[in-house]
Amino acid sequence: MKKIICGLDEAGRGPLAGPVTAGCVVLPEQFPFEILNDSKKLSPKKREYAERVIKECACWGLGVVDEKTIDKINILQASLLAMKLAYEAMMKKLPAWCTEQGCASTFAAEEISAIADGTFCPDVGCECRCEIKADGTYHEVMAASIIAKVERDRIMVAYDKLYPQYGYAQHKGYPTAAHVKVCREIGPSPIQRLTFKF
């Protein structure tokens, strides 16, 4: 029996503010794979285009874990939790999507195999392996990285409207000199990760 492969990746482990997000994606056989790459290697315009195509054609899920939970359980555990949430969201869609694709009739855990970017696998209840730089190797993980990155950028742009003095639309919460400077001058914003040094 051919296994269903899903890719898992997160975005936002390094920032000083905002959530960590994760994507989980199963791609159809007839997919324009040439539009995919590690999300960090695509321009914002290409990432957004790829995200639209992925959401139209693939079976996908998104996980979001906020900064307060990151402070509570640490960024590694929060990243794994975001991937678990993304997997669970994808699994809710998978039966209907597979019926449309004609790819399976049952959905036992042994029929699904997950590939996660990095050195740790989330607890997703199916066969899962992790690999460093999987987001530059496997199309499913590339797609997951794009879903995660575009959504996180979207969230941070929305936060920029609430807290414009912090410049979130520009640096997305990453530790740029400008971000560190404003935090030291006026204090942390309401979405700051307080366990991170700034």
N, C-alpha and C. Protein backbone atom coordinates (compact mmCIF):
# COMPACT_ATOMS: atom_id res chain seq x y z
N MET A 1 0.84 -1.21 0.00
CA MET A 1 0.00 0.00 0.00
C MET A 1 0.88 1.26 0.00
N LYS A 2 0.61 2.15 -0.92
CA LYS A 2 1.37 3.38 -1.00
C LYS A 2 0.97 4.32 0.13
N LYS A 3 1.97 4.80 0.88
CA LYS A 3 1.67 5.67 2.01
C LYS A 3 1.39 7.09 1.56
N ILE A 4 0.57 7.77 2.35
CA ILE A 4 0.33 9.19 2.16
C ILE A 4 1.45 9.93 2.88
N ILE A 5 2.17 10.78 2.18
CA ILE A 5 3.29 11.52 2.77
C ILE A 5 2.82 12.93 3.11
N CYS A 6 3.08 13.33 4.35
CA CYS A 6 2.79 14.72 4.72
C CYS A 6 4.08 15.37 5.21
N GLY A 7 4.24 16.63 4.88
CA GLY A 7 5.39 17.41 5.31
C GLY A 7 5.01 18.33 6.44
N LEU A 8 5.95 18.52 7.37
CA LEU A 8 5.74 19.38 8.53
C LEU A 8 6.90 20.36 8.67
N ASP A 9 6.57 21.62 8.91
CA ASP A 9 7.61 22.61 9.18
C ASP A 9 7.00 23.77 9.96
N GLU A 10 7.89 24.51 10.62
CA GLU A 10 7.45 25.65 11.42
C GLU A 10 8.11 26.93 10.93
N ALA A 11 7.55 28.04 11.38
CA ALA A 11 8.15 29.36 11.13
C ALA A 11 8.07 30.16 12.41
N GLY A 12 9.17 30.83 12.73
CA GLY A 12 9.13 31.73 13.88
C GLY A 12 9.78 31.23 15.15
N ARG A 13 10.80 30.38 15.03
CA ARG A 13 11.50 29.96 16.25
C ARG A 13 12.40 31.07 16.77
N GLY A 14 12.95 31.88 15.88
CA GLY A 14 13.96 32.85 16.28
C GLY A 14 13.49 34.22 16.74
N PRO A 15 12.28 34.66 16.39
CA PRO A 15 11.86 36.01 16.75
C PRO A 15 11.74 36.27 18.25
N LEU A 16 11.74 37.54 18.58
CA LEU A 16 11.58 37.98 19.97
C LEU A 16 10.12 38.24 20.31
N ALA A 17 9.24 38.16 19.32
CA ALA A 17 7.84 38.49 19.54
C ALA A 17 6.95 37.69 18.61
N GLY A 18 5.70 37.54 19.03
CA GLY A 18 4.71 36.89 18.19
C GLY A 18 4.71 35.38 18.29
N PRO A 19 3.83 34.74 17.54
CA PRO A 19 3.66 33.30 17.65
C PRO A 19 4.67 32.51 16.84
N VAL A 20 4.67 31.21 17.07
CA VAL A 20 5.31 30.27 16.16
C VAL A 20 4.18 29.58 15.39
N THR A 21 4.35 29.41 14.10
CA THR A 21 3.33 28.79 13.27
C THR A 21 3.91 27.54 12.62
N ALA A 22 3.04 26.65 12.18
CA ALA A 22 3.50 25.44 11.50
C ALA A 22 2.50 25.05 10.43
N GLY A 23 3.02 24.40 9.40
CA GLY A 23 2.18 23.87 8.34
C GLY A 23 2.33 22.37 8.24
N CYS A 24 1.29 21.73 7.74
CA CYS A 24 1.32 20.31 7.43
C CYS A 24 0.63 20.14 6.08
N VAL A 25 1.31 19.51 5.13
CA VAL A 25 0.79 19.47 3.76
C VAL A 25 0.96 18.08 3.13
N VAL A 26 -0.12 17.63 2.48
CA VAL A 26 -0.09 16.47 1.59
C VAL A 26 -0.34 17.01 0.19
N LEU A 27 0.55 16.69 -0.73
CA LEU A 27 0.44 17.21 -2.09
C LEU A 27 -0.18 16.19 -3.03
N PRO A 28 -0.97 16.64 -3.98
CA PRO A 28 -1.48 15.73 -5.01
C PRO A 28 -0.37 15.38 -6.00
N GLU A 29 -0.56 14.29 -6.71
CA GLU A 29 0.46 13.88 -7.68
C GLU A 29 0.61 14.90 -8.81
N GLN A 30 -0.50 15.49 -9.21
CA GLN A 30 -0.44 16.51 -10.25
C GLN A 30 -0.38 17.89 -9.60
N PHE A 31 0.81 18.27 -9.21
CA PHE A 31 1.03 19.57 -8.56
C PHE A 31 2.18 20.27 -9.26
N PRO A 32 2.12 21.59 -9.42
CA PRO A 32 3.23 22.32 -10.06
C PRO A 32 4.42 22.47 -9.11
N PHE A 33 5.17 21.38 -8.95
CA PHE A 33 6.25 21.33 -7.96
C PHE A 33 7.32 22.40 -8.18
N GLU A 34 7.41 22.91 -9.39
CA GLU A 34 8.44 23.90 -9.68
C GLU A 34 8.24 25.22 -8.93
N ILE A 35 7.05 25.45 -8.41
CA ILE A 35 6.82 26.69 -7.66
C ILE A 35 7.29 26.58 -6.21
N LEU A 36 7.72 25.38 -5.79
CA LEU A 36 8.08 25.16 -4.39
C LEU A 36 9.58 25.30 -4.17
N ASN A 37 9.91 25.73 -2.95
CA ASN A 37 11.30 25.77 -2.48
C ASN A 37 11.23 26.02 -0.98
N ASP A 38 12.37 25.96 -0.33
CA ASP A 38 12.44 26.42 1.05
C ASP A 38 11.86 27.83 1.08
N SER A 39 10.92 28.08 1.99
CA SER A 39 10.22 29.37 2.00
C SER A 39 11.18 30.55 2.13
N LYS A 40 12.31 30.34 2.81
CA LYS A 40 13.27 31.43 3.00
C LYS A 40 13.97 31.80 1.70
N LYS A 41 13.92 30.93 0.70
CA LYS A 41 14.59 31.18 -0.57
C LYS A 41 13.65 31.77 -1.63
N LEU A 42 12.39 31.95 -1.26
CA LEU A 42 11.42 32.52 -2.19
C LEU A 42 11.15 33.97 -1.82
N SER A 43 10.88 34.79 -2.79
CA SER A 43 10.49 36.18 -2.52
C SER A 43 9.09 36.18 -1.90
N PRO A 44 8.73 37.25 -1.19
CA PRO A 44 7.37 37.30 -0.63
C PRO A 44 6.29 37.08 -1.67
N LYS A 45 6.47 37.64 -2.86
CA LYS A 45 5.47 37.49 -3.92
C LYS A 45 5.34 36.03 -4.35
N LYS A 46 6.47 35.34 -4.51
CA LYS A 46 6.45 33.93 -4.91
C LYS A 46 5.90 33.04 -3.80
N ARG A 47 6.22 33.39 -2.55
CA ARG A 47 5.68 32.62 -1.42
C ARG A 47 4.16 32.73 -1.37
N GLU A 48 3.66 33.94 -1.54
CA GLU A 48 2.22 34.16 -1.47
C GLU A 48 1.49 33.46 -2.63
N TYR A 49 2.10 33.47 -3.79
CA TYR A 49 1.51 32.76 -4.92
C TYR A 49 1.49 31.25 -4.65
N ALA A 50 2.62 30.73 -4.17
CA ALA A 50 2.69 29.30 -3.87
C ALA A 50 1.68 28.92 -2.78
N GLU A 51 1.52 29.78 -1.79
CA GLU A 51 0.55 29.49 -0.73
C GLU A 51 -0.85 29.35 -1.29
N ARG A 52 -1.22 30.24 -2.21
CA ARG A 52 -2.55 30.17 -2.81
C ARG A 52 -2.75 28.85 -3.56
N VAL A 53 -1.74 28.44 -4.31
CA VAL A 53 -1.84 27.20 -5.08
C VAL A 53 -1.92 25.99 -4.14
N ILE A 54 -1.10 26.00 -3.10
CA ILE A 54 -1.12 24.90 -2.12
C ILE A 54 -2.51 24.79 -1.49
N LYS A 55 -3.06 25.90 -1.07
CA LYS A 55 -4.37 25.87 -0.41
C LYS A 55 -5.49 25.45 -1.36
N GLU A 56 -5.32 25.75 -2.64
CA GLU A 56 -6.32 25.35 -3.63
C GLU A 56 -6.25 23.86 -3.98
N CYS A 57 -5.03 23.32 -4.01
CA CYS A 57 -4.83 21.97 -4.56
C CYS A 57 -4.52 20.89 -3.53
N ALA A 58 -3.87 21.26 -2.46
CA ALA A 58 -3.35 20.27 -1.51
C ALA A 58 -4.28 20.09 -0.32
N CYS A 59 -3.94 19.09 0.49
CA CYS A 59 -4.60 18.94 1.79
C CYS A 59 -3.64 19.53 2.81
N TRP A 60 -4.08 20.51 3.55
CA TRP A 60 -3.15 21.24 4.41
C TRP A 60 -3.78 21.58 5.76
N GLY A 61 -2.92 21.82 6.72
CA GLY A 61 -3.36 22.25 8.04
C GLY A 61 -2.39 23.27 8.59
N LEU A 62 -2.87 24.11 9.48
CA LEU A 62 -2.06 25.18 10.08
C LEU A 62 -2.15 25.08 11.59
N GLY A 63 -1.01 25.30 12.26
CA GLY A 63 -0.97 25.36 13.71
C GLY A 63 -0.35 26.66 14.16
N VAL A 64 -0.90 27.28 15.18
CA VAL A 64 -0.38 28.54 15.71
C VAL A 64 -0.29 28.44 17.23
N VAL A 65 0.87 28.77 17.78
CA VAL A 65 1.07 28.77 19.23
C VAL A 65 1.56 30.16 19.62
N ASP A 66 0.84 30.82 20.52
CA ASP A 66 1.14 32.22 20.82
C ASP A 66 2.34 32.39 21.75
N GLU A 67 2.74 33.66 21.88
CA GLU A 67 3.95 33.99 22.64
C GLU A 67 3.85 33.64 24.12
N LYS A 68 2.67 33.70 24.68
CA LYS A 68 2.51 33.36 26.10
C LYS A 68 2.76 31.88 26.33
N THR A 69 2.29 31.06 25.41
CA THR A 69 2.54 29.62 25.51
C THR A 69 4.02 29.32 25.27
N ILE A 70 4.64 30.05 24.34
CA ILE A 70 6.08 29.89 24.10
C ILE A 70 6.84 30.16 25.39
N ASP A 71 6.50 31.24 26.09
CA ASP A 71 7.16 31.56 27.35
C ASP A 71 6.93 30.48 28.41
N LYS A 72 5.78 29.87 28.34
CA LYS A 72 5.41 28.87 29.36
C LYS A 72 6.09 27.53 29.13
N ILE A 73 6.16 27.06 27.87
CA ILE A 73 6.65 25.69 27.62
C ILE A 73 7.97 25.65 26.87
N ASN A 74 8.51 26.75 26.45
CA ASN A 74 9.75 26.97 25.69
C ASN A 74 9.51 26.83 24.19
N ILE A 75 10.41 27.41 23.42
CA ILE A 75 10.19 27.53 21.98
C ILE A 75 10.25 26.18 21.26
N LEU A 76 11.09 25.28 21.72
CA LEU A 76 11.13 23.96 21.07
C LEU A 76 9.81 23.24 21.24
N GLN A 77 9.31 23.18 22.47
CA GLN A 77 8.04 22.49 22.71
C GLN A 77 6.89 23.20 22.01
N ALA A 78 6.95 24.52 21.94
CA ALA A 78 5.90 25.27 21.25
C ALA A 78 5.93 24.97 19.74
N SER A 79 7.12 24.84 19.17
CA SER A 79 7.25 24.51 17.75
C SER A 79 6.68 23.12 17.46
N LEU A 80 7.00 22.17 18.32
CA LEU A 80 6.47 20.81 18.15
C LEU A 80 4.96 20.78 18.32
N LEU A 81 4.45 21.59 19.27
CA LEU A 81 3.01 21.68 19.47
C LEU A 81 2.33 22.28 18.23
N ALA A 82 2.94 23.31 17.66
CA ALA A 82 2.37 23.93 16.45
C ALA A 82 2.30 22.91 15.31
N MET A 83 3.32 22.09 15.17
CA MET A 83 3.30 21.06 14.13
C MET A 83 2.24 20.00 14.41
N LYS A 84 2.09 19.65 15.66
CA LYS A 84 1.05 18.68 16.03
C LYS A 84 -0.33 19.24 15.70
N LEU A 85 -0.56 20.50 16.01
CA LEU A 85 -1.84 21.15 15.70
C LEU A 85 -2.07 21.21 14.19
N ALA A 86 -1.01 21.50 13.45
CA ALA A 86 -1.12 21.55 11.99
C ALA A 86 -1.47 20.17 11.43
N TYR A 87 -0.84 19.14 11.96
CA TYR A 87 -1.13 17.77 11.53
C TYR A 87 -2.59 17.42 11.82
N GLU A 88 -3.05 17.74 13.01
CA GLU A 88 -4.43 17.42 13.38
C GLU A 88 -5.43 18.17 12.49
N ALA A 89 -5.11 19.41 12.16
CA ALA A 89 -5.99 20.18 11.27
C ALA A 89 -6.01 19.58 9.87
N MET A 90 -4.84 19.13 9.39
CA MET A 90 -4.78 18.49 8.08
C MET A 90 -5.57 17.18 8.08
N MET A 91 -5.44 16.41 9.15
CA MET A 91 -6.11 15.11 9.23
C MET A 91 -7.63 15.23 9.17
N LYS A 92 -8.15 16.33 9.68
CA LYS A 92 -9.60 16.55 9.64
C LYS A 92 -10.09 16.71 8.19
N LYS A 93 -9.22 17.23 7.34
CA LYS A 93 -9.58 17.46 5.94
C LYS A 93 -9.26 16.27 5.04
N LEU A 94 -8.36 15.41 5.51
CA LEU A 94 -7.81 14.37 4.64
C LEU A 94 -8.84 13.41 4.04
N PRO A 95 -9.81 12.89 4.81
CA PRO A 95 -10.76 11.94 4.20
C PRO A 95 -11.49 12.51 2.99
N ALA A 96 -12.01 13.73 3.13
CA ALA A 96 -12.74 14.34 2.01
C ALA A 96 -11.81 14.64 0.85
N TRP A 97 -10.61 15.12 1.16
CA TRP A 97 -9.64 15.44 0.10
C TRP A 97 -9.24 14.18 -0.64
N CYS A 98 -8.98 13.11 0.09
CA CYS A 98 -8.56 11.86 -0.55
C CYS A 98 -9.68 11.25 -1.38
N THR A 99 -10.91 11.44 -0.96
CA THR A 99 -12.03 10.97 -1.77
C THR A 99 -12.04 11.69 -3.11
N GLU A 100 -11.79 12.99 -3.08
CA GLU A 100 -11.72 13.77 -4.32
C GLU A 100 -10.55 13.31 -5.20
N GLN A 101 -9.42 12.99 -4.54
CA GLN A 101 -8.22 12.60 -5.28
C GLN A 101 -8.22 11.13 -5.68
N GLY A 102 -9.07 10.34 -5.00
CA GLY A 102 -9.09 8.90 -5.24
C GLY A 102 -7.84 8.20 -4.75
N CYS A 103 -7.25 8.72 -3.63
CA CYS A 103 -5.96 8.19 -3.19
C CYS A 103 -6.04 7.19 -2.06
N ALA A 104 -7.18 7.08 -1.38
CA ALA A 104 -7.29 6.12 -0.27
C ALA A 104 -8.74 5.98 0.13
N SER A 105 -9.01 4.89 0.83
CA SER A 105 -10.37 4.67 1.31
C SER A 105 -10.45 4.65 2.82
N THR A 106 -9.32 4.34 3.49
CA THR A 106 -9.27 4.37 4.95
C THR A 106 -8.08 5.21 5.39
N PHE A 107 -8.06 5.57 6.66
CA PHE A 107 -7.06 6.53 7.11
C PHE A 107 -6.42 6.12 8.42
N ALA A 108 -5.98 4.87 8.49
CA ALA A 108 -5.27 4.40 9.66
C ALA A 108 -3.89 5.05 9.72
N ALA A 109 -3.34 5.16 10.93
CA ALA A 109 -2.06 5.82 11.10
C ALA A 109 -0.95 5.17 10.28
N GLU A 110 -1.03 3.84 10.09
CA GLU A 110 0.03 3.16 9.35
C GLU A 110 0.02 3.51 7.86
N GLU A 111 -1.02 4.18 7.39
CA GLU A 111 -1.08 4.58 5.99
C GLU A 111 -0.45 5.95 5.74
N ILE A 112 -0.05 6.62 6.82
CA ILE A 112 0.47 7.98 6.72
C ILE A 112 1.90 8.03 7.24
N SER A 113 2.75 8.74 6.53
CA SER A 113 4.13 8.94 6.94
C SER A 113 4.44 10.43 6.92
N ALA A 114 5.00 10.92 8.02
CA ALA A 114 5.29 12.35 8.13
C ALA A 114 6.80 12.59 8.07
N ILE A 115 7.17 13.70 7.44
CA ILE A 115 8.56 14.16 7.41
C ILE A 115 8.58 15.56 8.03
N ALA A 116 9.36 15.73 9.09
CA ALA A 116 9.44 17.02 9.77
C ALA A 116 10.81 17.65 9.56
N ASP A 117 10.83 18.94 9.31
CA ASP A 117 12.10 19.65 9.20
C ASP A 117 12.70 19.83 10.59
N GLY A 118 14.00 19.58 10.71
CA GLY A 118 14.66 19.79 11.98
C GLY A 118 15.20 18.51 12.59
N THR A 119 15.38 18.54 13.90
CA THR A 119 15.99 17.41 14.61
C THR A 119 15.04 16.72 15.58
N PHE A 120 13.80 17.17 15.63
CA PHE A 120 12.80 16.57 16.51
C PHE A 120 11.50 16.35 15.75
N CYS A 121 10.82 15.25 16.08
CA CYS A 121 9.51 14.98 15.50
C CYS A 121 8.41 15.31 16.49
N PRO A 122 7.34 15.94 16.04
CA PRO A 122 6.20 16.16 16.92
C PRO A 122 5.46 14.85 17.16
N ASP A 123 4.67 14.82 18.21
CA ASP A 123 3.87 13.63 18.53
C ASP A 123 2.60 13.66 17.70
N VAL A 124 2.68 13.06 16.50
CA VAL A 124 1.55 13.13 15.58
C VAL A 124 0.80 11.81 15.44
N GLY A 125 1.27 10.77 16.11
CA GLY A 125 0.52 9.52 16.10
C GLY A 125 0.65 8.69 14.84
N CYS A 126 1.62 9.02 13.99
CA CYS A 126 1.90 8.21 12.81
C CYS A 126 3.41 8.11 12.67
N GLU A 127 3.85 7.30 11.73
CA GLU A 127 5.28 7.21 11.44
C GLU A 127 5.81 8.60 11.09
N CYS A 128 6.87 9.01 11.76
CA CYS A 128 7.41 10.36 11.53
C CYS A 128 8.93 10.30 11.62
N ARG A 129 9.57 10.95 10.68
CA ARG A 129 11.02 11.09 10.76
C ARG A 129 11.37 12.55 10.56
N CYS A 130 12.47 12.96 11.19
CA CYS A 130 12.90 14.35 11.07
C CYS A 130 14.23 14.39 10.31
N GLU A 131 14.45 15.48 9.65
CA GLU A 131 15.66 15.64 8.85
C GLU A 131 16.02 17.12 8.78
N ILE A 132 17.27 17.41 9.05
CA ILE A 132 17.75 18.79 8.94
C ILE A 132 17.70 19.22 7.46
N LYS A 133 17.19 20.41 7.23
CA LYS A 133 17.05 20.98 5.88
C LYS A 133 16.09 20.20 5.00
N ALA A 134 15.14 19.51 5.64
CA ALA A 134 14.10 18.83 4.86
C ALA A 134 13.28 19.82 4.04
N ASP A 135 13.24 21.09 4.51
CA ASP A 135 12.46 22.11 3.79
C ASP A 135 13.11 22.51 2.48
N GLY A 136 14.33 22.03 2.22
CA GLY A 136 14.97 22.27 0.94
C GLY A 136 15.09 21.00 0.11
N THR A 137 14.53 19.90 0.62
CA THR A 137 14.68 18.60 -0.02
C THR A 137 13.36 17.97 -0.48
N TYR A 138 12.35 18.04 0.37
CA TYR A 138 11.09 17.35 0.11
C TYR A 138 9.99 18.36 -0.22
N HIS A 139 9.28 18.12 -1.31
CA HIS A 139 8.25 19.06 -1.74
C HIS A 139 7.18 19.28 -0.66
N GLU A 140 6.80 18.22 0.03
CA GLU A 140 5.75 18.36 1.06
C GLU A 140 6.21 19.27 2.19
N VAL A 141 7.49 19.16 2.55
CA VAL A 141 8.02 20.01 3.63
C VAL A 141 8.20 21.44 3.15
N MET A 142 8.62 21.61 1.89
CA MET A 142 8.69 22.96 1.30
C MET A 142 7.32 23.63 1.39
N ALA A 143 6.29 22.88 1.01
CA ALA A 143 4.93 23.43 1.02
C ALA A 143 4.51 23.79 2.44
N ALA A 144 4.86 22.94 3.41
CA ALA A 144 4.53 23.22 4.81
C ALA A 144 5.25 24.48 5.29
N SER A 145 6.51 24.64 4.87
CA SER A 145 7.27 25.82 5.28
C SER A 145 6.65 27.09 4.70
N ILE A 146 6.14 27.00 3.49
CA ILE A 146 5.50 28.16 2.85
C ILE A 146 4.21 28.53 3.58
N ILE A 147 3.39 27.53 3.87
CA ILE A 147 2.14 27.78 4.62
C ILE A 147 2.44 28.46 5.95
N ALA A 148 3.44 27.94 6.67
CA ALA A 148 3.78 28.48 7.99
C ALA A 148 4.33 29.90 7.89
N LYS A 149 5.24 30.13 6.95
CA LYS A 149 5.90 31.43 6.82
C LYS A 149 4.92 32.52 6.40
N VAL A 150 4.11 32.24 5.39
CA VAL A 150 3.18 33.26 4.91
C VAL A 150 2.16 33.61 5.99
N GLU A 151 1.67 32.62 6.70
CA GLU A 151 0.69 32.91 7.76
C GLU A 151 1.32 33.71 8.88
N ARG A 152 2.54 33.35 9.28
CA ARG A 152 3.17 34.10 10.37
C ARG A 152 3.45 35.55 9.96
N ASP A 153 3.91 35.75 8.73
CA ASP A 153 4.13 37.12 8.26
C ASP A 153 2.83 37.91 8.26
N ARG A 154 1.75 37.25 7.87
CA ARG A 154 0.44 37.90 7.86
C ARG A 154 0.02 38.33 9.27
N ILE A 155 0.27 37.46 10.23
CA ILE A 155 -0.06 37.77 11.63
C ILE A 155 0.76 38.96 12.11
N MET A 156 2.05 38.97 11.78
CA MET A 156 2.91 40.04 12.27
C MET A 156 2.58 41.38 11.62
N VAL A 157 2.15 41.37 10.36
CA VAL A 157 1.71 42.61 9.71
C VAL A 157 0.45 43.15 10.40
N ALA A 158 -0.43 42.25 10.80
CA ALA A 158 -1.63 42.67 11.53
C ALA A 158 -1.25 43.26 12.89
N TYR A 159 -0.27 42.67 13.56
CA TYR A 159 0.19 43.20 14.85
C TYR A 159 0.85 44.57 14.67
N ASP A 160 1.46 44.80 13.53
CA ASP A 160 2.09 46.09 13.26
C ASP A 160 1.07 47.23 13.32
N LYS A 161 -0.16 46.93 12.92
CA LYS A 161 -1.21 47.95 12.96
C LYS A 161 -1.63 48.26 14.40
N LEU A 162 -1.50 47.27 15.27
CA LEU A 162 -1.83 47.48 16.69
C LEU A 162 -0.69 48.16 17.44
N TYR A 163 0.54 47.80 17.08
CA TYR A 163 1.72 48.31 17.80
C TYR A 163 2.73 48.86 16.78
N PRO A 164 2.38 49.95 16.09
CA PRO A 164 3.20 50.43 14.97
C PRO A 164 4.61 50.86 15.37
N GLN A 165 4.81 51.25 16.62
CA GLN A 165 6.13 51.73 17.02
C GLN A 165 7.20 50.63 17.01
N TYR A 166 6.77 49.37 16.98
CA TYR A 166 7.73 48.26 17.05
C TYR A 166 8.22 47.79 15.67
N GLY A 167 7.57 48.21 14.62
CA GLY A 167 8.05 47.87 13.27
C GLY A 167 7.87 46.42 12.86
N TYR A 168 6.83 45.77 13.36
CA TYR A 168 6.64 44.34 13.09
C TYR A 168 6.44 44.01 11.61
N ALA A 169 5.89 44.94 10.85
CA ALA A 169 5.69 44.67 9.43
C ALA A 169 7.02 44.55 8.69
N GLN A 170 8.06 45.20 9.21
CA GLN A 170 9.36 45.15 8.56
C GLN A 170 10.16 43.90 8.98
N HIS A 171 10.33 43.71 10.28
CA HIS A 171 11.23 42.64 10.74
C HIS A 171 10.50 41.39 11.23
N LYS A 172 9.18 41.43 11.29
CA LYS A 172 8.35 40.28 11.67
C LYS A 172 8.70 39.73 13.06
N GLY A 173 9.26 40.58 13.91
CA GLY A 173 9.58 40.16 15.27
C GLY A 173 10.97 39.60 15.46
N TYR A 174 11.73 39.50 14.38
CA TYR A 174 13.09 38.96 14.50
C TYR A 174 14.00 39.97 15.20
N PRO A 175 15.11 39.51 15.77
CA PRO A 175 15.96 40.39 16.60
C PRO A 175 16.87 41.31 15.80
N THR A 176 16.27 42.19 15.01
CA THR A 176 17.06 43.20 14.31
C THR A 176 17.52 44.26 15.31
N ALA A 177 18.50 45.04 14.90
CA ALA A 177 18.99 46.11 15.77
C ALA A 177 17.87 47.08 16.13
N ALA A 178 17.03 47.40 15.16
CA ALA A 178 15.93 48.34 15.40
C ALA A 178 14.91 47.77 16.39
N HIS A 179 14.62 46.48 16.27
CA HIS A 179 13.66 45.85 17.17
C HIS A 179 14.20 45.82 18.60
N VAL A 180 15.45 45.42 18.75
CA VAL A 180 16.06 45.37 20.08
C VAL A 180 16.10 46.78 20.69
N LYS A 181 16.43 47.76 19.87
CA LYS A 181 16.54 49.15 20.35
C LYS A 181 15.21 49.66 20.88
N VAL A 182 14.12 49.45 20.14
CA VAL A 182 12.83 49.97 20.59
C VAL A 182 12.35 49.24 21.85
N CYS A 183 12.64 47.96 21.95
CA CYS A 183 12.26 47.22 23.16
C CYS A 183 12.99 47.75 24.39
N ARG A 184 14.26 48.09 24.21
CA ARG A 184 15.05 48.63 25.33
C ARG A 184 14.64 50.05 25.68
N GLU A 185 14.18 50.79 24.70
CA GLU A 185 13.83 52.19 24.93
C GLU A 185 12.44 52.35 25.54
N ILE A 186 11.45 51.61 25.02
CA ILE A 186 10.08 51.82 25.51
C ILE A 186 9.48 50.58 26.18
N GLY A 187 10.26 49.51 26.22
CA GLY A 187 9.78 48.30 26.89
C GLY A 187 9.14 47.33 25.91
N PRO A 188 8.86 46.13 26.37
CA PRO A 188 8.29 45.11 25.49
C PRO A 188 6.86 45.43 25.08
N SER A 189 6.50 44.95 23.90
CA SER A 189 5.11 45.07 23.46
C SER A 189 4.28 43.96 24.09
N PRO A 190 2.97 44.02 23.99
CA PRO A 190 2.13 42.95 24.55
C PRO A 190 2.35 41.58 23.92
N ILE A 191 3.02 41.51 22.75
CA ILE A 191 3.25 40.20 22.13
C ILE A 191 4.71 39.78 22.24
N GLN A 192 5.47 40.45 23.09
CA GLN A 192 6.88 40.09 23.26
C GLN A 192 7.01 38.73 23.95
N ARG A 193 8.00 37.96 23.53
CA ARG A 193 8.36 36.72 24.22
C ARG A 193 9.29 37.11 25.37
N LEU A 194 8.76 37.11 26.56
CA LEU A 194 9.48 37.66 27.68
C LEU A 194 10.62 36.78 28.16
N THR A 195 10.64 35.53 27.75
CA THR A 195 11.76 34.65 28.12
C THR A 195 12.92 34.76 27.15
N PHE A 196 12.76 35.58 26.09
CA PHE A 196 13.83 35.79 25.13
C PHE A 196 14.58 37.07 25.52
N LYS A 197 15.91 37.07 25.34
CA LYS A 197 16.71 38.24 25.69
C LYS A 197 16.63 39.28 24.57
N PHE A 198 16.43 40.54 24.99
CA PHE A 198 16.42 41.64 24.00
C PHE A 198 17.00 42.90 24.62
